[in-house]
PDB file of N, CA and C in Angstrom:
ATOM      1  N   UNK A   1       0.850  -1.164   0.000  1.00  0.00           N
ATOM      2  CA  UNK A   1       0.000   0.000   0.000  1.00  0.00           C
ATOM      3  C   UNK A   1       0.899   1.231   0.000  1.00  0.00           C
ATOM      4  N   UNK A   2       0.505   2.245  -0.748  1.00  0.00           N
ATOM      5  CA  UNK A   2       1.300   3.461  -0.887  1.00  0.00           C
ATOM      6  C   UNK A   2       0.362   4.658  -0.980  1.00  0.00           C
ATOM      7  N   UNK A   3       0.749   5.763  -0.365  1.00  0.00           N
ATOM      8  CA  UNK A   3       0.006   7.018  -0.482  1.00  0.00           C
ATOM      9  C   UNK A   3       1.016   8.144  -0.336  1.00  0.00           C
ATOM     10  N   UNK A   4       0.652   9.314  -0.816  1.00  0.00           N
ATOM     11  CA  UNK A   4       1.526  10.470  -0.704  1.00  0.00           C
ATOM     12  C   UNK A   4       0.687  11.692  -0.370  1.00  0.00           C
ATOM     13  N   UNK A   5       1.171  12.517   0.583  1.00  0.00           N
ATOM     14  CA  UNK A   5       0.488  13.752   0.962  1.00  0.00           C
ATOM     15  C   UNK A   5       1.043  14.895   0.123  1.00  0.00           C
ATOM     16  N   UNK A   6       0.161  15.660  -0.470  1.00  0.00           N
ATOM     17  CA  UNK A   6       0.538  16.864  -1.219  1.00  0.00           C
ATOM     18  C   UNK A   6      -0.270  18.032  -0.687  1.00  0.00           C
ATOM     19  N   UNK A   7       0.401  19.149  -0.461  1.00  0.00           N
ATOM     20  CA  UNK A   7      -0.281  20.385  -0.091  1.00  0.00           C
ATOM     21  C   UNK A   7       0.492  21.529  -0.732  1.00  0.00           C
ATOM     22  N   UNK A   8      -0.026  22.743  -0.647  1.00  0.00           N
ATOM     23  CA  UNK A   8       0.642  23.895  -1.268  1.00  0.00           C
ATOM     24  C   UNK A   8       2.065  24.056  -0.759  1.00  0.00           C
ATOM     25  N   UNK A   9       2.279  23.798   0.505  1.00  0.00           N
ATOM     26  CA  UNK A   9       3.610  23.972   1.092  1.00  0.00           C
ATOM     27  C   UNK A   9       4.593  22.916   0.602  1.00  0.00           C
ATOM     28  N   UNK A  10       4.149  21.675   0.411  1.00  0.00           N
ATOM     29  CA  UNK A  10       5.082  20.642  -0.048  1.00  0.00           C
ATOM     30  C   UNK A  10       5.485  20.865  -1.497  1.00  0.00           C
ATOM     31  N   UNK A  11       4.645  21.536  -2.269  1.00  0.00           N
ATOM     32  CA  UNK A  11       4.981  21.818  -3.666  1.00  0.00           C
ATOM     33  C   UNK A  11       6.226  22.702  -3.761  1.00  0.00           C
ATOM     34  N   UNK A  12       6.499  23.496  -2.727  1.00  0.00           N
ATOM     35  CA  UNK A  12       7.650  24.394  -2.717  1.00  0.00           C
ATOM     36  C   UNK A  12       8.941  23.671  -2.353  1.00  0.00           C
ATOM     37  N   UNK A  13       8.851  22.418  -1.919  1.00  0.00           N
ATOM     38  CA  UNK A  13      10.014  21.662  -1.456  1.00  0.00           C
ATOM     39  C   UNK A  13      10.131  20.377  -2.272  1.00  0.00           C
ATOM     40  N   UNK A  14      10.719  20.474  -3.477  1.00  0.00           N
ATOM     41  CA  UNK A  14      10.820  19.317  -4.373  1.00  0.00           C
ATOM     42  C   UNK A  14      11.615  18.164  -3.772  1.00  0.00           C
ATOM     43  N   UNK A  15      12.563  18.472  -2.883  1.00  0.00           N
ATOM     44  CA  UNK A  15      13.444  17.443  -2.342  1.00  0.00           C
ATOM     45  C   UNK A  15      12.818  16.675  -1.188  1.00  0.00           C
ATOM     46  N   UNK A  16      11.581  17.047  -0.798  1.00  0.00           N
ATOM     47  CA  UNK A  16      10.919  16.415   0.333  1.00  0.00           C
ATOM     48  C   UNK A  16       9.621  15.754  -0.128  1.00  0.00           C
ATOM     49  N   UNK A  17       9.393  14.519   0.336  1.00  0.00           N
ATOM     50  CA  UNK A  17       8.146  13.820   0.048  1.00  0.00           C
ATOM     51  C   UNK A  17       7.579  13.282   1.354  1.00  0.00           C
ATOM     52  N   UNK A  18       6.260  13.367   1.492  1.00  0.00           N
ATOM     53  CA  UNK A  18       5.569  12.796   2.646  1.00  0.00           C
ATOM     54  C   UNK A  18       4.855  11.548   2.145  1.00  0.00           C
ATOM     55  N   UNK A  19       5.328  10.388   2.600  1.00  0.00           N
ATOM     56  CA  UNK A  19       4.900   9.114   2.044  1.00  0.00           C
ATOM     57  C   UNK A  19       4.347   8.176   3.104  1.00  0.00           C
ATOM     58  N   UNK A  20       3.371   7.363   2.709  1.00  0.00           N
ATOM     59  CA  UNK A  20       2.870   6.271   3.536  1.00  0.00           C
ATOM     60  C   UNK A  20       3.150   4.999   2.753  1.00  0.00           C
ATOM     61  N   UNK A  21       3.795   4.069   3.392  1.00  0.00           N
ATOM     62  CA  UNK A  21       4.099   2.822   2.695  1.00  0.00           C
ATOM     63  C   UNK A  21       3.963   1.647   3.642  1.00  0.00           C
ATOM     64  N   UNK A  22       3.432   0.567   3.124  1.00  0.00           N
ATOM     65  CA  UNK A  22       3.409  -0.689   3.860  1.00  0.00           C
ATOM     66  C   UNK A  22       3.611  -1.802   2.846  1.00  0.00           C
ATOM     67  N   UNK A  23       4.229  -2.856   3.305  1.00  0.00           N
ATOM     68  CA  UNK A  23       4.500  -3.987   2.425  1.00  0.00           C
ATOM     69  C   UNK A  23       4.304  -5.277   3.198  1.00  0.00           C
ATOM     70  N   UNK A  24       3.585  -6.231   2.623  1.00  0.00           N
ATOM     71  CA  UNK A  24       3.416  -7.513   3.310  1.00  0.00           C
ATOM     72  C   UNK A  24       4.729  -8.282   3.415  1.00  0.00           C
ATOM     73  N   UNK A  25       5.740  -7.889   2.651  1.00  0.00           N
ATOM     74  CA  UNK A  25       7.028  -8.576   2.672  1.00  0.00           C
ATOM     75  C   UNK A  25       7.983  -7.978   3.709  1.00  0.00           C
ATOM     76  N   UNK A  26       7.514  -6.966   4.450  1.00  0.00           N
ATOM     77  CA  UNK A  26       8.370  -6.282   5.413  1.00  0.00           C
ATOM     78  C   UNK A  26       7.847  -6.476   6.825  1.00  0.00           C
ATOM     79  N   UNK A  27       8.763  -6.517   7.786  1.00  0.00           N
ATOM     80  CA  UNK A  27       8.382  -6.584   9.195  1.00  0.00           C
ATOM     81  C   UNK A  27       8.143  -5.206   9.782  1.00  0.00           C
ATOM     82  N   UNK A  28       8.407  -4.156   9.007  1.00  0.00           N
ATOM     83  CA  UNK A  28       8.218  -2.798   9.500  1.00  0.00           C
ATOM     84  C   UNK A  28       6.744  -2.445   9.531  1.00  0.00           C
ATOM     85  N   UNK A  29       6.341  -1.758  10.582  1.00  0.00           N
ATOM     86  CA  UNK A  29       4.956  -1.305  10.692  1.00  0.00           C
ATOM     87  C   UNK A  29       4.716  -0.185   9.676  1.00  0.00           C
ATOM     88  N   UNK A  30       3.559  -0.174   9.020  1.00  0.00           N
ATOM     89  CA  UNK A  30       3.275   0.913   8.076  1.00  0.00           C
ATOM     90  C   UNK A  30       3.154   2.232   8.827  1.00  0.00           C
ATOM     91  N   UNK A  31       3.647   3.284   8.223  1.00  0.00           N
ATOM     92  CA  UNK A  31       3.602   4.588   8.873  1.00  0.00           C
ATOM     93  C   UNK A  31       3.870   5.677   7.842  1.00  0.00           C
ATOM     94  N   UNK A  32       3.515   6.895   8.208  1.00  0.00           N
ATOM     95  CA  UNK A  32       3.842   8.061   7.392  1.00  0.00           C
ATOM     96  C   UNK A  32       5.286   8.445   7.658  1.00  0.00           C
ATOM     97  N   UNK A  33       5.983   8.809   6.611  1.00  0.00           N
ATOM     98  CA  UNK A  33       7.389   9.158   6.690  1.00  0.00           C
ATOM     99  C   UNK A  33       7.661  10.406   5.867  1.00  0.00           C
ATOM    100  N   UNK A  34       8.481  11.300   6.417  1.00  0.00           N
ATOM    101  CA  UNK A  34       8.983  12.424   5.640  1.00  0.00           C
ATOM    102  C   UNK A  34      10.345  12.013   5.112  1.00  0.00           C
ATOM    103  N   UNK A  35      10.483  11.996   3.794  1.00  0.00           N
ATOM    104  CA  UNK A  35      11.734  11.603   3.156  1.00  0.00           C
ATOM    105  C   UNK A  35      12.348  12.828   2.485  1.00  0.00           C
ATOM    106  N   UNK A  36      13.636  13.019   2.704  1.00  0.00           N
ATOM    107  CA  UNK A  36      14.354  14.116   2.047  1.00  0.00           C
ATOM    108  C   UNK A  36      15.588  13.530   1.383  1.00  0.00           C
ATOM    109  N   UNK A  37      15.776  13.902   0.123  1.00  0.00           N
ATOM    110  CA  UNK A  37      16.916  13.398  -0.625  1.00  0.00           C
ATOM    111  C   UNK A  37      17.764  14.571  -1.103  1.00  0.00           C
ATOM    112  N   UNK A  38      19.070  14.412  -0.969  1.00  0.00           N
ATOM    113  CA  UNK A  38      20.018  15.418  -1.440  1.00  0.00           C
ATOM    114  C   UNK A  38      20.663  14.878  -2.700  1.00  0.00           C
ATOM    115  N   UNK A  39      20.539  15.619  -3.803  1.00  0.00           N
ATOM    116  CA  UNK A  39      21.113  15.215  -5.075  1.00  0.00           C
ATOM    117  C   UNK A  39      22.346  16.046  -5.385  1.00  0.00           C
ATOM    118  N   UNK A  40      23.294  15.427  -6.054  1.00  0.00           N
ATOM    119  CA  UNK A  40      24.544  16.103  -6.401  1.00  0.00           C
ATOM    120  C   UNK A  40      24.309  17.149  -7.493  1.00  0.00           C
ATOM    121  N   UNK A  41      24.966  18.268  -7.332  1.00  0.00           N
ATOM    122  CA  UNK A  41      25.005  19.296  -8.358  1.00  0.00           C
ATOM    123  C   UNK A  41      26.394  19.309  -8.976  1.00  0.00           C
ATOM    124  N   UNK A  42      26.640  20.266  -9.840  1.00  0.00           N
ATOM    125  CA  UNK A  42      27.948  20.324 -10.509  1.00  0.00           C
ATOM    126  C   UNK A  42      29.080  20.558  -9.518  1.00  0.00           C
ATOM    127  N   UNK A  43      28.811  21.278  -8.428  1.00  0.00           N
ATOM    128  CA  UNK A  43      29.847  21.521  -7.428  1.00  0.00           C
ATOM    129  C   UNK A  43      30.281  20.221  -6.742  1.00  0.00           C
ATOM    130  N   UNK A  44      29.329  19.362  -6.393  1.00  0.00           N
ATOM    131  CA  UNK A  44      29.660  18.085  -5.758  1.00  0.00           C
ATOM    132  C   UNK A  44      30.447  17.173  -6.707  1.00  0.00           C
ATOM    133  N   UNK A  45      30.108  17.226  -7.990  1.00  0.00           N
ATOM    134  CA  UNK A  45      30.854  16.437  -8.976  1.00  0.00           C
ATOM    135  C   UNK A  45      32.278  16.982  -9.098  1.00  0.00           C
ATOM    136  N   UNK A  46      32.395  18.300  -9.187  1.00  0.00           N
ATOM    137  CA  UNK A  46      33.709  18.943  -9.309  1.00  0.00           C
ATOM    138  C   UNK A  46      34.588  18.625  -8.098  1.00  0.00           C
ATOM    139  N   UNK A  47      33.990  18.560  -6.898  1.00  0.00           N
ATOM    140  CA  UNK A  47      34.750  18.301  -5.672  1.00  0.00           C
ATOM    141  C   UNK A  47      34.960  16.799  -5.426  1.00  0.00           C
ATOM    142  N   UNK A  48      34.450  15.942  -6.309  1.00  0.00           N
ATOM    143  CA  UNK A  48      34.668  14.511  -6.193  1.00  0.00           C
ATOM    144  C   UNK A  48      33.723  13.802  -5.236  1.00  0.00           C
ATOM    145  N   UNK A  49      32.686  14.487  -4.755  1.00  0.00           N
ATOM    146  CA  UNK A  49      31.713  13.856  -3.850  1.00  0.00           C
ATOM    147  C   UNK A  49      30.733  12.960  -4.603  1.00  0.00           C
ATOM    148  N   UNK A  50      30.607  13.162  -5.926  1.00  0.00           N
ATOM    149  CA  UNK A  50      29.666  12.395  -6.732  1.00  0.00           C
ATOM    150  C   UNK A  50      30.256  12.184  -8.114  1.00  0.00           C
ATOM    151  N   UNK A  51      29.777  11.147  -8.790  1.00  0.00           N
ATOM    152  CA  UNK A  51      30.252  10.851 -10.134  1.00  0.00           C
ATOM    153  C   UNK A  51      29.518  11.616 -11.215  1.00  0.00           C
ATOM    154  N   UNK A  52      28.259  12.012 -10.920  1.00  0.00           N
ATOM    155  CA  UNK A  52      27.475  12.738 -11.919  1.00  0.00           C
ATOM    156  C   UNK A  52      26.411  13.594 -11.240  1.00  0.00           C
ATOM    157  N   UNK A  53      25.990  14.638 -11.948  1.00  0.00           N
ATOM    158  CA  UNK A  53      24.933  15.521 -11.456  1.00  0.00           C
ATOM    159  C   UNK A  53      23.647  14.709 -11.334  1.00  0.00           C
ATOM    160  N   UNK A  54      22.947  14.877 -10.234  1.00  0.00           N
ATOM    161  CA  UNK A  54      21.694  14.170  -9.999  1.00  0.00           C
ATOM    162  C   UNK A  54      21.853  12.889  -9.198  1.00  0.00           C
ATOM    163  N   UNK A  55      23.092  12.500  -8.936  1.00  0.00           N
ATOM    164  CA  UNK A  55      23.346  11.307  -8.123  1.00  0.00           C
ATOM    165  C   UNK A  55      22.878  11.561  -6.685  1.00  0.00           C
ATOM    166  N   UNK A  56      22.251  10.580  -6.076  1.00  0.00           N
ATOM    167  CA  UNK A  56      21.792  10.720  -4.688  1.00  0.00           C
ATOM    168  C   UNK A  56      22.997  10.712  -3.751  1.00  0.00           C
ATOM    169  N   UNK A  57      23.078  11.756  -2.916  1.00  0.00           N
ATOM    170  CA  UNK A  57      24.168  11.860  -1.947  1.00  0.00           C
ATOM    171  C   UNK A  57      23.747  11.385  -0.568  1.00  0.00           C
ATOM    172  N   UNK A  58      22.565  11.802  -0.135  1.00  0.00           N
ATOM    173  CA  UNK A  58      22.071  11.454   1.195  1.00  0.00           C
ATOM    174  C   UNK A  58      20.557  11.309   1.145  1.00  0.00           C
ATOM    175  N   UNK A  59      20.052  10.527   2.084  1.00  0.00           N
ATOM    176  CA  UNK A  59      18.612  10.353   2.236  1.00  0.00           C
ATOM    177  C   UNK A  59      18.316  10.312   3.722  1.00  0.00           C
ATOM    178  N   UNK A  60      17.308  11.063   4.150  1.00  0.00           N
ATOM    179  CA  UNK A  60      16.883  10.974   5.549  1.00  0.00           C
ATOM    180  C   UNK A  60      15.398  10.647   5.584  1.00  0.00           C
ATOM    181  N   UNK A  61      15.019   9.831   6.565  1.00  0.00           N
ATOM    182  CA  UNK A  61      13.628   9.419   6.758  1.00  0.00           C
ATOM    183  C   UNK A  61      13.239   9.674   8.202  1.00  0.00           C
ATOM    184  N   UNK A  62      12.078  10.292   8.405  1.00  0.00           N
ATOM    185  CA  UNK A  62      11.570  10.586   9.744  1.00  0.00           C
ATOM    186  C   UNK A  62      10.102  10.183   9.789  1.00  0.00           C
ATOM    187  N   UNK A  63       9.722   9.373  10.771  1.00  0.00           N
ATOM    188  CA  UNK A  63       8.309   9.017  10.933  1.00  0.00           C
ATOM    189  C   UNK A  63       7.545  10.232  11.443  1.00  0.00           C
ATOM    190  N   UNK A  64       6.369  10.479  10.853  1.00  0.00           N
ATOM    191  CA  UNK A  64       5.554  11.637  11.221  1.00  0.00           C
ATOM    192  C   UNK A  64       4.084  11.236  11.277  1.00  0.00           C
ATOM    193  N   UNK A  65       3.284  12.038  11.982  1.00  0.00           N
ATOM    194  CA  UNK A  65       1.831  11.858  12.026  1.00  0.00           C
ATOM    195  C   UNK A  65       1.102  13.044  11.414  1.00  0.00           C
ATOM    196  N   UNK A  66       1.780  14.193  11.332  1.00  0.00           N
ATOM    197  CA  UNK A  66       1.205  15.425  10.808  1.00  0.00           C
ATOM    198  C   UNK A  66       2.142  16.011   9.764  1.00  0.00           C
ATOM    199  N   UNK A  67       1.582  16.710   8.784  1.00  0.00           N
ATOM    200  CA  UNK A  67       2.414  17.394   7.803  1.00  0.00           C
ATOM    201  C   UNK A  67       3.161  18.526   8.510  1.00  0.00           C
ATOM    202  N   UNK A  68       4.486  18.557   8.427  1.00  0.00           N
ATOM    203  CA  UNK A  68       5.241  19.616   9.100  1.00  0.00           C
ATOM    204  C   UNK A  68       5.071  20.983   8.433  1.00  0.00           C
ATOM    205  N   UNK A  69       4.444  21.018   7.273  1.00  0.00           N
ATOM    206  CA  UNK A  69       4.265  22.270   6.543  1.00  0.00           C
ATOM    207  C   UNK A  69       2.878  22.879   6.744  1.00  0.00           C
ATOM    208  N   UNK A  70       1.824  22.050   6.628  1.00  0.00           N
ATOM    209  CA  UNK A  70       0.458  22.591   6.746  1.00  0.00           C
ATOM    210  C   UNK A  70      -0.235  22.175   8.035  1.00  0.00           C
ATOM    211  N   UNK A  71       0.326  21.195   8.769  1.00  0.00           N
ATOM    212  CA  UNK A  71      -0.237  20.774  10.047  1.00  0.00           C
ATOM    213  C   UNK A  71      -1.341  19.740   9.960  1.00  0.00           C
ATOM    214  N   UNK A  72      -1.718  19.334   8.767  1.00  0.00           N
ATOM    215  CA  UNK A  72      -2.793  18.353   8.598  1.00  0.00           C
ATOM    216  C   UNK A  72      -2.388  16.996   9.162  1.00  0.00           C
ATOM    217  N   UNK A  73      -3.321  16.346   9.897  1.00  0.00           N
ATOM    218  CA  UNK A  73      -3.077  14.985  10.350  1.00  0.00           C
ATOM    219  C   UNK A  73      -3.073  14.076   9.131  1.00  0.00           C
ATOM    220  N   UNK A  74      -2.081  13.231   9.036  1.00  0.00           N
ATOM    221  CA  UNK A  74      -1.926  12.389   7.852  1.00  0.00           C
ATOM    222  C   UNK A  74      -2.702  11.104   8.001  1.00  0.00           C
ATOM    223  N   UNK A  75      -3.575  10.857   7.038  1.00  0.00           N
ATOM    224  CA  UNK A  75      -4.379   9.642   6.986  1.00  0.00           C
ATOM    225  C   UNK A  75      -4.388   9.158   5.553  1.00  0.00           C
ATOM    226  N   UNK A  76      -4.737   7.900   5.351  1.00  0.00           N
ATOM    227  CA  UNK A  76      -4.795   7.363   4.005  1.00  0.00           C
ATOM    228  C   UNK A  76      -5.933   7.981   3.225  1.00  0.00           C
ATOM    229  N   UNK A  77      -5.722   8.211   1.934  1.00  0.00           N
ATOM    230  CA  UNK A  77      -6.771   8.727   1.051  1.00  0.00           C
ATOM    231  C   UNK A  77      -7.829   7.664   0.850  1.00  0.00           C
ATOM    232  N   UNK A  78      -9.049   8.108   0.638  1.00  0.00           N
ATOM    233  CA  UNK A  78     -10.150   7.150   0.389  1.00  0.00           C
ATOM    234  C   UNK A  78     -10.106   6.630  -1.021  1.00  0.00           C
TER     235      UNK A  78
END
């Protein structure tokens, strides 16, 4: 099962997604998560931190119950 929260505030933050995911193949409890990904730019490639522009450098995941931008309680869409 998968769902994603979108609001006006999240549209301004392309690098952040608010996701709900559950999988019968996983032992993890389903929950809402704020995911943020940092992608390499030309500076990171030039400095040797990445091989190409757009390469994922870091990813952070935080379990959440409310949207940190609009405050809405996160629930599955009908």
